[in-house]
N, C-alpha and C. Protein backbone atom coordinates (compact mmCIF):
# COMPACT_ATOMS: atom_id res chain seq x y z
N UNK A 1 2.38 1.76 -20.26
CA UNK A 1 3.10 1.97 -19.01
C UNK A 1 3.22 0.63 -18.29
N UNK A 2 4.39 0.33 -17.75
CA UNK A 2 4.58 -0.96 -17.07
C UNK A 2 3.74 -1.08 -15.80
N UNK A 3 3.44 -2.31 -15.47
CA UNK A 3 2.70 -2.63 -14.25
C UNK A 3 3.67 -3.26 -13.26
N UNK A 4 3.69 -2.73 -12.06
CA UNK A 4 4.59 -3.23 -11.02
C UNK A 4 3.78 -3.83 -9.88
N UNK A 5 4.25 -4.97 -9.41
CA UNK A 5 3.63 -5.63 -8.26
C UNK A 5 4.60 -5.50 -7.09
N UNK A 6 4.10 -5.00 -5.98
CA UNK A 6 4.93 -4.88 -4.79
C UNK A 6 4.04 -4.88 -3.56
N UNK A 7 4.66 -5.15 -2.44
CA UNK A 7 3.94 -5.25 -1.18
C UNK A 7 4.53 -4.26 -0.19
N UNK A 8 3.65 -3.53 0.49
CA UNK A 8 4.05 -2.62 1.55
C UNK A 8 3.58 -3.19 2.88
N UNK A 9 4.49 -3.36 3.81
CA UNK A 9 4.14 -3.80 5.17
C UNK A 9 3.94 -2.55 6.02
N UNK A 10 2.82 -2.51 6.74
CA UNK A 10 2.46 -1.32 7.49
C UNK A 10 2.61 -1.52 8.99
N UNK A 11 2.83 -0.43 9.69
CA UNK A 11 2.73 -0.39 11.15
C UNK A 11 1.80 0.76 11.49
N UNK A 12 1.39 0.82 12.74
CA UNK A 12 0.50 1.89 13.18
C UNK A 12 -0.97 1.60 12.98
N UNK A 13 -1.28 0.49 12.29
CA UNK A 13 -2.67 0.08 12.06
C UNK A 13 -2.77 -1.43 12.22
N UNK A 14 -3.99 -1.89 12.47
CA UNK A 14 -4.30 -3.31 12.45
C UNK A 14 -5.50 -3.48 11.53
N UNK A 15 -5.85 -4.73 11.27
CA UNK A 15 -7.02 -4.96 10.42
C UNK A 15 -8.30 -4.45 11.08
N UNK A 16 -8.27 -4.26 12.40
CA UNK A 16 -9.43 -3.75 13.12
C UNK A 16 -9.48 -2.22 13.15
N UNK A 17 -8.48 -1.53 12.59
CA UNK A 17 -8.47 -0.07 12.58
C UNK A 17 -9.73 0.43 11.88
N UNK A 18 -10.48 1.26 12.59
CA UNK A 18 -11.75 1.76 12.05
C UNK A 18 -11.51 2.58 10.79
N UNK A 19 -12.25 2.26 9.74
CA UNK A 19 -12.18 2.99 8.48
C UNK A 19 -10.95 2.69 7.64
N UNK A 20 -10.23 1.63 7.96
CA UNK A 20 -8.98 1.29 7.26
C UNK A 20 -9.18 1.22 5.75
N UNK A 21 -10.12 0.40 5.31
CA UNK A 21 -10.32 0.18 3.88
C UNK A 21 -10.73 1.47 3.17
N UNK A 22 -11.71 2.18 3.74
CA UNK A 22 -12.19 3.41 3.10
C UNK A 22 -11.11 4.47 3.03
N UNK A 23 -10.35 4.64 4.10
CA UNK A 23 -9.30 5.66 4.12
C UNK A 23 -8.23 5.37 3.09
N UNK A 24 -7.81 4.12 2.99
CA UNK A 24 -6.79 3.76 2.00
C UNK A 24 -7.31 3.94 0.58
N UNK A 25 -8.54 3.54 0.34
CA UNK A 25 -9.14 3.70 -0.99
C UNK A 25 -9.20 5.17 -1.38
N UNK A 26 -9.70 6.00 -0.46
CA UNK A 26 -9.84 7.44 -0.75
C UNK A 26 -8.49 8.12 -0.96
N UNK A 27 -7.45 7.61 -0.32
CA UNK A 27 -6.13 8.25 -0.45
C UNK A 27 -5.40 7.85 -1.73
N UNK A 28 -5.97 6.92 -2.50
CA UNK A 28 -5.36 6.55 -3.78
C UNK A 28 -4.86 5.12 -3.87
N UNK A 29 -5.20 4.30 -2.87
CA UNK A 29 -4.75 2.90 -2.87
C UNK A 29 -5.80 1.97 -3.45
N UNK A 30 -6.51 2.42 -4.48
CA UNK A 30 -7.55 1.61 -5.09
C UNK A 30 -6.98 0.48 -5.95
N UNK A 31 -5.67 0.44 -6.09
CA UNK A 31 -5.00 -0.63 -6.84
C UNK A 31 -4.27 -1.60 -5.91
N UNK A 32 -4.71 -1.65 -4.65
CA UNK A 32 -4.06 -2.51 -3.65
C UNK A 32 -5.07 -3.45 -3.02
N UNK A 33 -4.60 -4.64 -2.71
CA UNK A 33 -5.38 -5.61 -1.95
C UNK A 33 -4.90 -5.52 -0.51
N UNK A 34 -5.84 -5.29 0.41
CA UNK A 34 -5.49 -5.20 1.83
C UNK A 34 -5.46 -6.60 2.41
N UNK A 35 -4.34 -6.96 3.02
CA UNK A 35 -4.15 -8.29 3.57
C UNK A 35 -3.72 -8.18 5.03
N UNK A 36 -3.96 -9.24 5.78
CA UNK A 36 -3.54 -9.26 7.18
C UNK A 36 -2.98 -10.63 7.53
N UNK A 37 -2.00 -10.61 8.40
CA UNK A 37 -1.45 -11.83 8.97
C UNK A 37 -1.29 -11.57 10.45
N UNK A 38 -2.10 -12.23 11.25
CA UNK A 38 -2.14 -11.89 12.67
C UNK A 38 -2.65 -10.48 12.82
N UNK A 39 -1.89 -9.64 13.48
CA UNK A 39 -2.29 -8.23 13.64
C UNK A 39 -1.55 -7.33 12.65
N UNK A 40 -0.73 -7.90 11.78
CA UNK A 40 0.02 -7.12 10.80
C UNK A 40 -0.82 -6.90 9.55
N UNK A 41 -0.70 -5.71 8.99
CA UNK A 41 -1.41 -5.36 7.76
C UNK A 41 -0.38 -5.11 6.67
N UNK A 42 -0.66 -5.65 5.49
CA UNK A 42 0.18 -5.35 4.34
C UNK A 42 -0.71 -5.13 3.13
N UNK A 43 -0.20 -4.36 2.18
CA UNK A 43 -0.93 -4.02 0.96
C UNK A 43 -0.18 -4.60 -0.23
N UNK A 44 -0.89 -5.36 -1.05
CA UNK A 44 -0.33 -5.95 -2.26
C UNK A 44 -0.79 -5.10 -3.44
N UNK A 45 0.12 -4.33 -4.02
CA UNK A 45 -0.19 -3.39 -5.09
C UNK A 45 0.08 -3.98 -6.47
N UNK A 46 -0.73 -3.61 -7.45
CA UNK A 46 -0.48 -3.73 -8.88
C UNK A 46 -0.63 -2.33 -9.42
N UNK A 47 0.48 -1.61 -9.59
CA UNK A 47 0.42 -0.18 -9.91
C UNK A 47 1.16 0.10 -11.21
N UNK A 48 0.51 0.87 -12.08
CA UNK A 48 1.15 1.35 -13.31
C UNK A 48 1.93 2.61 -12.99
N UNK A 49 3.15 2.68 -13.52
CA UNK A 49 3.99 3.86 -13.32
C UNK A 49 5.13 3.83 -14.32
N UNK A 50 5.83 4.94 -14.42
CA UNK A 50 6.98 5.04 -15.32
C UNK A 50 8.14 4.17 -14.86
N UNK A 51 8.24 3.97 -13.54
CA UNK A 51 9.33 3.16 -12.99
C UNK A 51 8.87 2.52 -11.69
N UNK A 52 9.61 1.51 -11.26
CA UNK A 52 9.31 0.87 -9.98
C UNK A 52 9.44 1.88 -8.85
N UNK A 53 10.49 2.70 -8.89
CA UNK A 53 10.68 3.70 -7.84
C UNK A 53 9.50 4.65 -7.76
N UNK A 54 8.99 5.09 -8.91
CA UNK A 54 7.84 6.00 -8.93
C UNK A 54 6.60 5.33 -8.38
N UNK A 55 6.40 4.06 -8.73
CA UNK A 55 5.23 3.32 -8.24
C UNK A 55 5.27 3.19 -6.72
N UNK A 56 6.42 2.82 -6.20
CA UNK A 56 6.56 2.64 -4.75
C UNK A 56 6.44 3.97 -4.02
N UNK A 57 7.09 5.00 -4.53
CA UNK A 57 7.05 6.31 -3.87
C UNK A 57 5.62 6.85 -3.80
N UNK A 58 4.87 6.71 -4.89
CA UNK A 58 3.49 7.22 -4.87
C UNK A 58 2.62 6.40 -3.93
N UNK A 59 2.84 5.10 -3.88
CA UNK A 59 2.06 4.26 -2.97
C UNK A 59 2.35 4.61 -1.51
N UNK A 60 3.61 4.81 -1.18
CA UNK A 60 3.96 5.19 0.19
C UNK A 60 3.31 6.51 0.55
N UNK A 61 3.37 7.47 -0.36
CA UNK A 61 2.73 8.77 -0.11
C UNK A 61 1.23 8.60 0.13
N UNK A 62 0.58 7.78 -0.69
CA UNK A 62 -0.87 7.57 -0.53
C UNK A 62 -1.19 6.91 0.80
N UNK A 63 -0.43 5.89 1.17
CA UNK A 63 -0.68 5.18 2.43
C UNK A 63 -0.50 6.12 3.62
N UNK A 64 0.62 6.83 3.65
CA UNK A 64 0.94 7.63 4.82
C UNK A 64 0.12 8.91 4.91
N UNK A 65 -0.57 9.28 3.82
CA UNK A 65 -1.45 10.46 3.86
C UNK A 65 -2.91 10.08 4.07
N UNK A 66 -3.19 8.82 4.37
CA UNK A 66 -4.57 8.36 4.52
C UNK A 66 -5.22 8.84 5.82
N UNK A 67 -4.44 9.35 6.75
CA UNK A 67 -5.00 9.91 7.97
C UNK A 67 -5.40 8.88 9.02
N UNK A 68 -4.83 7.68 8.94
CA UNK A 68 -5.18 6.63 9.91
C UNK A 68 -3.98 6.19 10.73
N UNK A 69 -2.86 6.89 10.57
CA UNK A 69 -1.66 6.57 11.34
C UNK A 69 -0.81 5.46 10.76
N UNK A 70 -1.06 5.06 9.52
CA UNK A 70 -0.28 4.00 8.89
C UNK A 70 1.10 4.51 8.50
N UNK A 71 2.11 3.68 8.76
CA UNK A 71 3.49 3.97 8.39
C UNK A 71 4.02 2.76 7.62
N UNK A 72 4.65 3.01 6.48
CA UNK A 72 5.23 1.92 5.70
C UNK A 72 6.55 1.51 6.35
N UNK A 73 6.64 0.24 6.73
CA UNK A 73 7.83 -0.29 7.40
C UNK A 73 8.78 -0.99 6.44
N UNK A 74 8.24 -1.64 5.40
CA UNK A 74 9.11 -2.34 4.45
C UNK A 74 8.41 -2.50 3.12
N UNK A 75 9.23 -2.78 2.09
CA UNK A 75 8.76 -2.93 0.71
C UNK A 75 9.34 -4.21 0.14
N UNK A 76 8.51 -4.98 -0.56
CA UNK A 76 8.96 -6.15 -1.30
C UNK A 76 8.41 -5.99 -2.71
N UNK A 77 9.26 -6.14 -3.74
CA UNK A 77 8.79 -5.83 -5.09
C UNK A 77 9.29 -6.81 -6.14
N UNK A 78 8.54 -6.84 -7.26
CA UNK A 78 8.92 -7.62 -8.45
C UNK A 78 8.21 -7.00 -9.65
N UNK A 79 8.89 -6.95 -10.78
CA UNK A 79 8.30 -6.43 -12.01
C UNK A 79 7.31 -7.44 -12.55
N UNK A 80 6.10 -6.97 -12.89
CA UNK A 80 5.07 -7.86 -13.43
C UNK A 80 5.05 -7.79 -14.95
N UNK A 81 5.04 -6.61 -15.51
CA UNK A 81 4.97 -6.51 -16.97
C UNK A 81 5.31 -5.16 -17.46
């Protein structure tokens, strides 16, 4: 299965959001690196999926179902392998 690398920019959370890392991990984002720039949070994913669209759609679902108020604002992507 191909591996896709993409970044999701989030709103509704900051790096100081209580339980951010644990909530994202539990919701299925264990293949993402949590990054911050200023007060903005973004997730850098390396996700295996049948297609780039499937990888991004599942990641958005996982992020927005984490229960911390995170909303995906934008996506940046590139095929890794």
